[in-house]
Amino acid sequence: MAGQLPEDIVQAIAISNAKSIGEQPAILANLALAQQIFNQNMQQQVSLSQQQAMNQVQMAATAKCVAMIESAGCKNQSSIDQMGKDLERLLKDVERIIKNGGDEKKSPDAR
């Protein structure tokens, strides 16, 4: 009798184990849902960050174009032609940057 536990303690342990086993699927489902919510939140933050970066690029390109138009003055045909050449060069630079993923070092003609 010294090595045996009382019957009520054995029954309490069995009930506790059965309860733990019964709750495990709900706990795992909650963990999976929490992980899914976390992943979706991270994806949204990355998307927002990328959108903000693109907005900054768009704003900088617009400012550069406005500055080029103002500097040309559109007073004569030669200034209009020069502005067209500058815009063409700017668009080629932007296209190269987009193609290289923003890494200037990938292009052989990087400045």
N, C-alpha and C. Protein backbone atom coordinates (compact mmCIF):
# COMPACT_ATOMS: atom_id res chain seq x y z
N MET A 1 0.82 -1.18 0.00
CA MET A 1 0.00 0.00 0.00
C MET A 1 0.86 1.25 0.00
N ALA A 2 2.12 1.10 0.41
CA ALA A 2 2.97 2.27 0.48
C ALA A 2 3.26 2.84 -0.89
N GLY A 3 3.28 2.03 -1.96
CA GLY A 3 3.59 2.48 -3.31
C GLY A 3 2.38 2.92 -4.10
N GLN A 4 1.19 2.78 -3.57
CA GLN A 4 -0.02 3.13 -4.31
C GLN A 4 -0.60 4.44 -3.81
N LEU A 5 -1.20 5.16 -4.76
CA LEU A 5 -1.87 6.40 -4.41
C LEU A 5 -3.32 6.10 -4.09
N PRO A 6 -3.93 6.94 -3.29
CA PRO A 6 -5.35 6.75 -3.00
C PRO A 6 -6.18 6.88 -4.29
N GLU A 7 -7.28 6.18 -4.32
CA GLU A 7 -8.14 6.12 -5.51
C GLU A 7 -8.64 7.50 -5.94
N ASP A 8 -8.98 8.37 -5.01
CA ASP A 8 -9.50 9.70 -5.38
C ASP A 8 -8.41 10.56 -6.03
N ILE A 9 -7.14 10.39 -5.64
CA ILE A 9 -6.05 11.13 -6.28
C ILE A 9 -5.81 10.61 -7.69
N VAL A 10 -5.83 9.29 -7.86
CA VAL A 10 -5.66 8.70 -9.20
C VAL A 10 -6.78 9.17 -10.12
N GLN A 11 -8.00 9.22 -9.62
CA GLN A 11 -9.14 9.67 -10.42
C GLN A 11 -8.99 11.15 -10.76
N ALA A 12 -8.52 11.97 -9.85
CA ALA A 12 -8.34 13.40 -10.10
C ALA A 12 -7.27 13.64 -11.16
N ILE A 13 -6.19 12.85 -11.10
CA ILE A 13 -5.13 12.96 -12.12
C ILE A 13 -5.67 12.55 -13.48
N ALA A 14 -6.43 11.48 -13.54
CA ALA A 14 -7.00 11.02 -14.81
C ALA A 14 -7.94 12.06 -15.39
N ILE A 15 -8.76 12.67 -14.55
CA ILE A 15 -9.69 13.71 -15.02
C ILE A 15 -8.90 14.91 -15.53
N SER A 16 -7.84 15.30 -14.83
CA SER A 16 -7.02 16.44 -15.24
C SER A 16 -6.34 16.16 -16.58
N ASN A 17 -5.81 14.95 -16.76
CA ASN A 17 -5.18 14.58 -18.03
C ASN A 17 -6.20 14.60 -19.17
N ALA A 18 -7.38 14.04 -18.92
CA ALA A 18 -8.42 14.02 -19.96
C ALA A 18 -8.84 15.44 -20.33
N LYS A 19 -8.92 16.32 -19.33
CA LYS A 19 -9.28 17.72 -19.60
C LYS A 19 -8.20 18.40 -20.44
N SER A 20 -6.93 18.18 -20.10
CA SER A 20 -5.83 18.77 -20.86
C SER A 20 -5.83 18.28 -22.30
N ILE A 21 -6.03 16.99 -22.48
CA ILE A 21 -6.07 16.42 -23.84
C ILE A 21 -7.25 16.98 -24.61
N GLY A 22 -8.36 17.18 -23.96
CA GLY A 22 -9.55 17.72 -24.62
C GLY A 22 -9.39 19.18 -25.03
N GLU A 23 -8.62 19.95 -24.26
CA GLU A 23 -8.42 21.37 -24.56
C GLU A 23 -7.33 21.62 -25.59
N GLN A 24 -6.48 20.66 -25.85
CA GLN A 24 -5.33 20.85 -26.73
C GLN A 24 -5.73 21.29 -28.14
N PRO A 25 -6.72 20.69 -28.81
CA PRO A 25 -7.06 21.16 -30.16
C PRO A 25 -7.48 22.63 -30.19
N ALA A 26 -8.22 23.08 -29.19
CA ALA A 26 -8.63 24.48 -29.15
C ALA A 26 -7.42 25.40 -28.96
N ILE A 27 -6.49 25.00 -28.13
CA ILE A 27 -5.28 25.80 -27.92
C ILE A 27 -4.47 25.89 -29.21
N LEU A 28 -4.31 24.76 -29.89
CA LEU A 28 -3.56 24.76 -31.15
C LEU A 28 -4.26 25.58 -32.22
N ALA A 29 -5.58 25.52 -32.27
CA ALA A 29 -6.33 26.33 -33.24
C ALA A 29 -6.14 27.81 -32.95
N ASN A 30 -6.14 28.19 -31.68
CA ASN A 30 -5.92 29.59 -31.31
C ASN A 30 -4.51 30.05 -31.70
N LEU A 31 -3.53 29.19 -31.49
CA LEU A 31 -2.16 29.53 -31.89
C LEU A 31 -2.05 29.70 -33.40
N ALA A 32 -2.69 28.81 -34.15
CA ALA A 32 -2.65 28.91 -35.61
C ALA A 32 -3.32 30.19 -36.10
N LEU A 33 -4.44 30.55 -35.50
CA LEU A 33 -5.14 31.78 -35.87
C LEU A 33 -4.28 33.00 -35.53
N ALA A 34 -3.64 33.00 -34.37
CA ALA A 34 -2.77 34.12 -33.99
C ALA A 34 -1.62 34.26 -34.98
N GLN A 35 -1.04 33.15 -35.41
CA GLN A 35 0.06 33.19 -36.38
C GLN A 35 -0.42 33.72 -37.73
N GLN A 36 -1.59 33.32 -38.15
CA GLN A 36 -2.15 33.78 -39.42
C GLN A 36 -2.41 35.29 -39.36
N ILE A 37 -2.95 35.77 -38.27
CA ILE A 37 -3.21 37.21 -38.10
C ILE A 37 -1.89 37.97 -38.11
N PHE A 38 -0.89 37.46 -37.43
CA PHE A 38 0.43 38.11 -37.40
C PHE A 38 1.03 38.19 -38.80
N ASN A 39 0.96 37.09 -39.56
CA ASN A 39 1.51 37.07 -40.92
C ASN A 39 0.79 38.07 -41.82
N GLN A 40 -0.52 38.13 -41.72
CA GLN A 40 -1.29 39.07 -42.54
C GLN A 40 -0.93 40.51 -42.17
N ASN A 41 -0.76 40.78 -40.90
CA ASN A 41 -0.37 42.12 -40.46
C ASN A 41 1.00 42.49 -41.02
N MET A 42 1.94 41.56 -40.99
CA MET A 42 3.27 41.84 -41.53
C MET A 42 3.21 42.10 -43.03
N GLN A 43 2.41 41.33 -43.77
CA GLN A 43 2.26 41.55 -45.21
C GLN A 43 1.69 42.93 -45.49
N GLN A 44 0.72 43.35 -44.71
CA GLN A 44 0.13 44.67 -44.90
C GLN A 44 1.14 45.77 -44.59
N GLN A 45 1.96 45.58 -43.59
CA GLN A 45 2.98 46.58 -43.27
C GLN A 45 4.01 46.69 -44.38
N VAL A 46 4.40 45.56 -44.96
CA VAL A 46 5.36 45.57 -46.08
C VAL A 46 4.74 46.28 -47.28
N SER A 47 3.48 45.98 -47.57
CA SER A 47 2.80 46.63 -48.70
C SER A 47 2.72 48.14 -48.48
N LEU A 48 2.39 48.54 -47.29
CA LEU A 48 2.31 49.96 -46.98
C LEU A 48 3.67 50.63 -47.13
N SER A 49 4.71 49.98 -46.67
CA SER A 49 6.06 50.53 -46.79
C SER A 49 6.45 50.69 -48.26
N GLN A 50 6.14 49.69 -49.08
CA GLN A 50 6.45 49.78 -50.51
C GLN A 50 5.66 50.90 -51.17
N GLN A 51 4.41 51.07 -50.79
CA GLN A 51 3.58 52.13 -51.37
C GLN A 51 4.14 53.50 -50.99
N GLN A 52 4.58 53.65 -49.74
CA GLN A 52 5.17 54.92 -49.32
C GLN A 52 6.45 55.22 -50.09
N ALA A 53 7.25 54.20 -50.33
CA ALA A 53 8.48 54.39 -51.10
C ALA A 53 8.16 54.82 -52.53
N MET A 54 7.18 54.18 -53.13
CA MET A 54 6.79 54.55 -54.50
C MET A 54 6.22 55.98 -54.54
N ASN A 55 5.48 56.37 -53.52
CA ASN A 55 4.96 57.74 -53.46
C ASN A 55 6.10 58.74 -53.38
N GLN A 56 7.16 58.43 -52.64
CA GLN A 56 8.30 59.32 -52.55
C GLN A 56 9.02 59.42 -53.89
N VAL A 57 9.16 58.30 -54.59
CA VAL A 57 9.79 58.31 -55.91
C VAL A 57 8.95 59.15 -56.87
N GLN A 58 7.65 58.97 -56.82
CA GLN A 58 6.76 59.73 -57.70
C GLN A 58 6.86 61.22 -57.40
N MET A 59 6.91 61.58 -56.13
CA MET A 59 7.00 62.99 -55.76
C MET A 59 8.33 63.59 -56.24
N ALA A 60 9.42 62.84 -56.10
CA ALA A 60 10.73 63.32 -56.54
C ALA A 60 10.77 63.49 -58.06
N ALA A 61 10.19 62.53 -58.78
CA ALA A 61 10.17 62.62 -60.24
C ALA A 61 9.33 63.80 -60.70
N THR A 62 8.21 64.03 -60.04
CA THR A 62 7.36 65.18 -60.38
C THR A 62 8.10 66.49 -60.12
N ALA A 63 8.77 66.57 -58.99
CA ALA A 63 9.52 67.79 -58.67
C ALA A 63 10.62 68.03 -59.69
N LYS A 64 11.30 66.96 -60.11
CA LYS A 64 12.37 67.09 -61.10
C LYS A 64 11.81 67.58 -62.43
N CYS A 65 10.67 67.03 -62.83
CA CYS A 65 10.04 67.46 -64.10
C CYS A 65 9.61 68.92 -64.03
N VAL A 66 9.03 69.32 -62.91
CA VAL A 66 8.60 70.71 -62.76
C VAL A 66 9.81 71.63 -62.81
N ALA A 67 10.90 71.24 -62.15
CA ALA A 67 12.11 72.06 -62.17
C ALA A 67 12.67 72.17 -63.59
N MET A 68 12.64 71.08 -64.34
CA MET A 68 13.14 71.11 -65.73
C MET A 68 12.27 72.00 -66.60
N ILE A 69 10.98 71.94 -66.42
CA ILE A 69 10.07 72.78 -67.20
C ILE A 69 10.28 74.25 -66.86
N GLU A 70 10.42 74.55 -65.58
CA GLU A 70 10.65 75.93 -65.17
C GLU A 70 11.97 76.47 -65.68
N SER A 71 13.01 75.62 -65.64
CA SER A 71 14.33 76.09 -66.08
C SER A 71 14.36 76.31 -67.59
N ALA A 72 13.61 75.52 -68.34
CA ALA A 72 13.59 75.68 -69.80
C ALA A 72 12.87 76.97 -70.19
N GLY A 73 11.84 77.31 -69.48
CA GLY A 73 11.13 78.55 -69.74
C GLY A 73 10.26 78.50 -70.98
N CYS A 74 10.46 77.55 -71.85
CA CYS A 74 9.67 77.39 -73.09
C CYS A 74 9.62 78.71 -73.88
N LYS A 75 10.74 79.43 -73.93
CA LYS A 75 10.78 80.70 -74.65
C LYS A 75 11.09 80.52 -76.13
N ASN A 76 11.86 79.51 -76.44
CA ASN A 76 12.18 79.27 -77.85
C ASN A 76 12.25 77.77 -78.11
N GLN A 77 12.38 77.41 -79.37
CA GLN A 77 12.35 76.00 -79.77
C GLN A 77 13.54 75.23 -79.21
N SER A 78 14.69 75.85 -79.12
CA SER A 78 15.87 75.13 -78.63
C SER A 78 15.70 74.74 -77.15
N SER A 79 15.10 75.61 -76.35
CA SER A 79 14.88 75.26 -74.95
C SER A 79 13.84 74.15 -74.82
N ILE A 80 12.85 74.16 -75.70
CA ILE A 80 11.84 73.08 -75.69
C ILE A 80 12.49 71.76 -76.10
N ASP A 81 13.37 71.80 -77.11
CA ASP A 81 14.07 70.58 -77.53
C ASP A 81 14.97 70.06 -76.43
N GLN A 82 15.68 70.98 -75.75
CA GLN A 82 16.56 70.57 -74.66
C GLN A 82 15.75 69.94 -73.53
N MET A 83 14.59 70.51 -73.25
CA MET A 83 13.73 69.95 -72.21
C MET A 83 13.28 68.54 -72.60
N GLY A 84 12.94 68.32 -73.85
CA GLY A 84 12.56 66.98 -74.32
C GLY A 84 13.69 65.98 -74.14
N LYS A 85 14.92 66.40 -74.47
CA LYS A 85 16.07 65.51 -74.30
C LYS A 85 16.31 65.19 -72.82
N ASP A 86 16.19 66.21 -71.98
CA ASP A 86 16.37 65.99 -70.54
C ASP A 86 15.32 65.03 -69.98
N LEU A 87 14.09 65.21 -70.42
CA LEU A 87 13.02 64.32 -69.96
C LEU A 87 13.25 62.89 -70.45
N GLU A 88 13.70 62.75 -71.67
CA GLU A 88 13.98 61.41 -72.21
C GLU A 88 15.09 60.74 -71.40
N ARG A 89 16.14 61.48 -71.08
CA ARG A 89 17.24 60.93 -70.29
C ARG A 89 16.77 60.55 -68.88
N LEU A 90 15.93 61.41 -68.31
CA LEU A 90 15.39 61.12 -66.98
C LEU A 90 14.55 59.85 -66.99
N LEU A 91 13.71 59.68 -67.99
CA LEU A 91 12.87 58.48 -68.08
C LEU A 91 13.72 57.23 -68.28
N LYS A 92 14.79 57.33 -69.04
CA LYS A 92 15.68 56.18 -69.22
C LYS A 92 16.36 55.82 -67.90
N ASP A 93 16.75 56.84 -67.12
CA ASP A 93 17.35 56.59 -65.82
C ASP A 93 16.37 55.89 -64.89
N VAL A 94 15.13 56.38 -64.87
CA VAL A 94 14.10 55.77 -64.02
C VAL A 94 13.84 54.33 -64.46
N GLU A 95 13.77 54.10 -65.76
CA GLU A 95 13.53 52.74 -66.26
C GLU A 95 14.67 51.81 -65.86
N ARG A 96 15.92 52.30 -65.95
CA ARG A 96 17.07 51.49 -65.57
C ARG A 96 17.03 51.16 -64.08
N ILE A 97 16.66 52.15 -63.26
CA ILE A 97 16.59 51.92 -61.82
C ILE A 97 15.51 50.90 -61.49
N ILE A 98 14.37 51.01 -62.15
CA ILE A 98 13.28 50.05 -61.92
C ILE A 98 13.70 48.66 -62.35
N LYS A 99 14.35 48.56 -63.49
CA LYS A 99 14.78 47.24 -63.99
C LYS A 99 15.79 46.59 -63.07
N ASN A 100 16.67 47.40 -62.47
CA ASN A 100 17.70 46.88 -61.58
C ASN A 100 17.23 46.74 -60.15
N GLY A 101 15.98 47.03 -59.88
CA GLY A 101 15.44 46.89 -58.54
C GLY A 101 15.96 47.95 -57.58
N GLY A 102 16.35 49.10 -58.11
CA GLY A 102 16.82 50.18 -57.26
C GLY A 102 18.29 50.10 -56.92
N ASP A 103 19.00 49.09 -57.42
CA ASP A 103 20.42 48.94 -57.12
C ASP A 103 21.23 49.58 -58.24
N GLU A 104 21.82 50.72 -57.96
CA GLU A 104 22.58 51.47 -58.96
C GLU A 104 23.83 50.71 -59.43
N LYS A 105 24.37 49.82 -58.59
CA LYS A 105 25.62 49.14 -58.90
C LYS A 105 25.46 48.07 -59.98
N LYS A 106 24.23 47.64 -60.25
CA LYS A 106 24.01 46.58 -61.23
C LYS A 106 24.21 47.06 -62.66
N SER A 107 24.02 48.35 -62.86
CA SER A 107 24.10 48.90 -64.20
C SER A 107 25.55 49.24 -64.53
N PRO A 108 26.02 48.88 -65.74
CA PRO A 108 27.41 49.18 -66.08
C PRO A 108 27.65 50.68 -66.26
N ASP A 109 26.62 51.44 -66.59
CA ASP A 109 26.80 52.87 -66.80
C ASP A 109 26.35 53.68 -65.58
N ALA A 110 26.38 53.06 -64.40
CA ALA A 110 25.96 53.76 -63.18
C ALA A 110 26.96 54.87 -62.88
N ARG A 111 26.41 55.97 -62.39
CA ARG A 111 27.26 57.12 -62.10
C ARG A 111 27.66 57.16 -60.67
